[in-house]
Amino acid sequence: MGLIISKKASKKEIRKLSEHFDGYIKVVVDVEKKILAGGGDRHADDERILLDDGSKRDDLWGGGFDSETKEIDYNSIINLRPNDKNPSRDILSDKIRKKFADIIKKLLY
């Protein structure tokens, strides 16, 4: 079950988000609203939570966060957007990568 995180997550929330993958959290970040959803089985699950909450598809990017090492990755099938110059599962735009990482650091560190 995914959760929306809009302010710094508590230790309890981090544990809940990372339960499914033993310390790793799949996240979808709304780079405009500066919120994220995480803890789902698939990025699409967390994407759906944010879309249902009013986020726009163009603002959502997927990746992951290792709660132990604090490593961030930028890889998700939802990032495949050939028409938007992102023909990869990785976030290719440095600008979007920075926003993505900054939001994760603010909410999950």
C-alpha atoms as a PDB file:
ATOM      1  CA  MET A   1       0.000   0.000   0.000  1.00  0.00           C
ATOM      2  CA  GLY A   2       1.523   3.283  -1.069  1.00  0.00           C
ATOM      3  CA  LEU A   3       1.572   6.513   0.895  1.00  0.00           C
ATOM      4  CA  ILE A   4       1.712  10.136  -0.185  1.00  0.00           C
ATOM      5  CA  ILE A   5       4.473  12.062   1.571  1.00  0.00           C
ATOM      6  CA  SER A   6       4.211  15.867   1.494  1.00  0.00           C
ATOM      7  CA  LYS A   7       6.406  16.762   4.488  1.00  0.00           C
ATOM      8  CA  LYS A   8       9.484  15.163   6.034  1.00  0.00           C
ATOM      9  CA  ALA A   9       8.641  11.516   6.652  1.00  0.00           C
ATOM     10  CA  SER A  10       8.852  10.128  10.160  1.00  0.00           C
ATOM     11  CA  LYS A  11      10.976   7.053  10.915  1.00  0.00           C
ATOM     12  CA  LYS A  12       7.733   5.074  11.172  1.00  0.00           C
ATOM     13  CA  GLU A  13       6.646   6.227   7.716  1.00  0.00           C
ATOM     14  CA  ILE A  14      10.077   5.369   6.255  1.00  0.00           C
ATOM     15  CA  ARG A  15       9.815   1.867   7.743  1.00  0.00           C
ATOM     16  CA  LYS A  16       6.328   1.443   6.288  1.00  0.00           C
ATOM     17  CA  LEU A  17       7.421   2.687   2.847  1.00  0.00           C
ATOM     18  CA  SER A  18      10.427   0.334   2.802  1.00  0.00           C
ATOM     19  CA  GLU A  19       8.686  -2.812   4.099  1.00  0.00           C
ATOM     20  CA  HIS A  20       7.852  -4.293   0.712  1.00  0.00           C
ATOM     21  CA  PHE A  21      11.424  -4.318  -0.625  1.00  0.00           C
ATOM     22  CA  ASP A  22      13.393  -4.597   2.636  1.00  0.00           C
ATOM     23  CA  GLY A  23      14.860  -1.087   2.839  1.00  0.00           C
ATOM     24  CA  TYR A  24      14.345  -0.048  -0.775  1.00  0.00           C
ATOM     25  CA  ILE A  25      11.481   2.297  -1.624  1.00  0.00           C
ATOM     26  CA  LYS A  26       9.985   2.608  -5.082  1.00  0.00           C
ATOM     27  CA  VAL A  27       8.940   6.248  -5.387  1.00  0.00           C
ATOM     28  CA  VAL A  28       7.035   8.436  -7.792  1.00  0.00           C
ATOM     29  CA  VAL A  29       7.760  12.138  -7.390  1.00  0.00           C
ATOM     30  CA  ASP A  30       5.542  15.023  -8.471  1.00  0.00           C
ATOM     31  CA  VAL A  31       8.271  17.508  -9.371  1.00  0.00           C
ATOM     32  CA  GLU A  32       5.841  20.453  -9.429  1.00  0.00           C
ATOM     33  CA  LYS A  33       3.881  19.794  -6.223  1.00  0.00           C
ATOM     34  CA  LYS A  34       7.097  18.621  -4.501  1.00  0.00           C
ATOM     35  CA  ILE A  35       5.464  15.532  -3.043  1.00  0.00           C
ATOM     36  CA  LEU A  36       5.996  11.825  -3.543  1.00  0.00           C
ATOM     37  CA  ALA A  37       4.200   8.533  -3.252  1.00  0.00           C
ATOM     38  CA  GLY A  38       6.052   5.409  -2.277  1.00  0.00           C
ATOM     39  CA  GLY A  39       5.794   1.954  -0.837  1.00  0.00           C
ATOM     40  CA  GLY A  40       3.806   0.360  -3.633  1.00  0.00           C
ATOM     41  CA  ASP A  41       4.635  -2.860  -5.420  1.00  0.00           C
ATOM     42  CA  ARG A  42       5.028  -1.050  -8.749  1.00  0.00           C
ATOM     43  CA  HIS A  43       5.709   2.531  -9.748  1.00  0.00           C
ATOM     44  CA  ALA A  44       2.368   2.495 -11.554  1.00  0.00           C
ATOM     45  CA  ASP A  45       0.628   1.903  -8.193  1.00  0.00           C
ATOM     46  CA  ASP A  46       2.192   5.017  -6.671  1.00  0.00           C
ATOM     47  CA  GLU A  47       1.631   6.962  -9.889  1.00  0.00           C
ATOM     48  CA  ARG A  48      -2.095   6.109  -9.660  1.00  0.00           C
ATOM     49  CA  ILE A  49      -2.253   7.369  -6.055  1.00  0.00           C
ATOM     50  CA  LEU A  50      -0.802  10.733  -7.121  1.00  0.00           C
ATOM     51  CA  LEU A  51      -3.011  10.999 -10.211  1.00  0.00           C
ATOM     52  CA  ASP A  52      -6.073  10.312  -8.048  1.00  0.00           C
ATOM     53  CA  ASP A  53      -4.826  13.069  -5.727  1.00  0.00           C
ATOM     54  CA  GLY A  54      -4.757  15.602  -8.582  1.00  0.00           C
ATOM     55  CA  SER A  55      -1.201  15.370  -9.905  1.00  0.00           C
ATOM     56  CA  LYS A  56      -0.553  15.751 -13.633  1.00  0.00           C
ATOM     57  CA  ARG A  57       1.039  12.866 -15.519  1.00  0.00           C
ATOM     58  CA  ASP A  58       3.704  15.117 -17.060  1.00  0.00           C
ATOM     59  CA  ASP A  59       4.936  16.057 -13.571  1.00  0.00           C
ATOM     60  CA  LEU A  60       5.393  12.473 -12.328  1.00  0.00           C
ATOM     61  CA  TRP A  61       8.719  10.654 -12.466  1.00  0.00           C
ATOM     62  CA  GLY A  62       9.711   7.307 -10.986  1.00  0.00           C
ATOM     63  CA  GLY A  63      12.765   5.906  -9.310  1.00  0.00           C
ATOM     64  CA  GLY A  64      13.905   4.549  -6.016  1.00  0.00           C
ATOM     65  CA  PHE A  65      15.524   5.274  -2.693  1.00  0.00           C
ATOM     66  CA  ASP A  66      17.571   2.959  -0.504  1.00  0.00           C
ATOM     67  CA  SER A  67      16.669   3.947   3.057  1.00  0.00           C
ATOM     68  CA  GLU A  68      19.892   2.489   4.452  1.00  0.00           C
ATOM     69  CA  THR A  69      22.527   3.818   2.023  1.00  0.00           C
ATOM     70  CA  LYS A  70      20.514   6.931   1.003  1.00  0.00           C
ATOM     71  CA  GLU A  71      21.232   6.096  -2.646  1.00  0.00           C
ATOM     72  CA  ILE A  72      18.753   7.471  -5.193  1.00  0.00           C
ATOM     73  CA  ASP A  73      18.062   5.912  -8.571  1.00  0.00           C
ATOM     74  CA  TYR A  74      16.131   7.347 -11.489  1.00  0.00           C
ATOM     75  CA  ASN A  75      14.841   4.209 -13.189  1.00  0.00           C
ATOM     76  CA  SER A  76      11.205   3.318 -13.826  1.00  0.00           C
ATOM     77  CA  ILE A  77       9.054   2.152 -16.693  1.00  0.00           C
ATOM     78  CA  ILE A  78       6.835   5.210 -16.147  1.00  0.00           C
ATOM     79  CA  ASN A  79       9.757   7.384 -17.301  1.00  0.00           C
ATOM     80  CA  LEU A  80       9.585   6.007 -20.848  1.00  0.00           C
ATOM     81  CA  ARG A  81       8.390   9.062 -22.784  1.00  0.00           C
ATOM     82  CA  PRO A  82       9.819   9.093 -26.311  1.00  0.00           C
ATOM     83  CA  ASN A  83       7.513  11.946 -27.332  1.00  0.00           C
ATOM     84  CA  ASP A  84       8.879  14.041 -24.443  1.00  0.00           C
ATOM     85  CA  LYS A  85      12.535  13.363 -25.283  1.00  0.00           C
ATOM     86  CA  ASN A  86      12.922  10.692 -22.608  1.00  0.00           C
ATOM     87  CA  PRO A  87      13.230   7.420 -24.562  1.00  0.00           C
ATOM     88  CA  SER A  88      14.674   5.631 -21.540  1.00  0.00           C
ATOM     89  CA  ARG A  89      13.555   4.138 -18.248  1.00  0.00           C
ATOM     90  CA  ASP A  90      16.072   6.520 -16.654  1.00  0.00           C
ATOM     91  CA  ILE A  91      15.316  10.201 -16.159  1.00  0.00           C
ATOM     92  CA  LEU A  92      17.607  11.781 -18.755  1.00  0.00           C
ATOM     93  CA  SER A  93      17.015  15.486 -18.048  1.00  0.00           C
ATOM     94  CA  ASP A  94      19.539  16.878 -15.545  1.00  0.00           C
ATOM     95  CA  LYS A  95      16.981  19.490 -14.491  1.00  0.00           C
ATOM     96  CA  ILE A  96      14.305  16.883 -13.686  1.00  0.00           C
ATOM     97  CA  ARG A  97      16.879  14.593 -12.007  1.00  0.00           C
ATOM     98  CA  LYS A  98      17.904  17.445  -9.713  1.00  0.00           C
ATOM     99  CA  LYS A  99      14.305  18.265  -8.793  1.00  0.00           C
ATOM    100  CA  PHE A 100      13.590  14.555  -8.229  1.00  0.00           C
ATOM    101  CA  ALA A 101      16.621  14.126  -5.943  1.00  0.00           C
ATOM    102  CA  ASP A 102      16.015  17.383  -4.051  1.00  0.00           C
ATOM    103  CA  ILE A 103      12.443  16.333  -3.226  1.00  0.00           C
ATOM    104  CA  ILE A 104      13.530  12.885  -2.067  1.00  0.00           C
ATOM    105  CA  LYS A 105      16.253  14.417   0.111  1.00  0.00           C
ATOM    106  CA  LYS A 106      13.800  16.882   1.630  1.00  0.00           C
ATOM    107  CA  LEU A 107      11.110  14.272   2.348  1.00  0.00           C
ATOM    108  CA  LEU A 108      12.979  11.028   3.057  1.00  0.00           C
ATOM    109  CA  TYR A 109      16.456  11.877   4.447  1.00  0.00           C
END
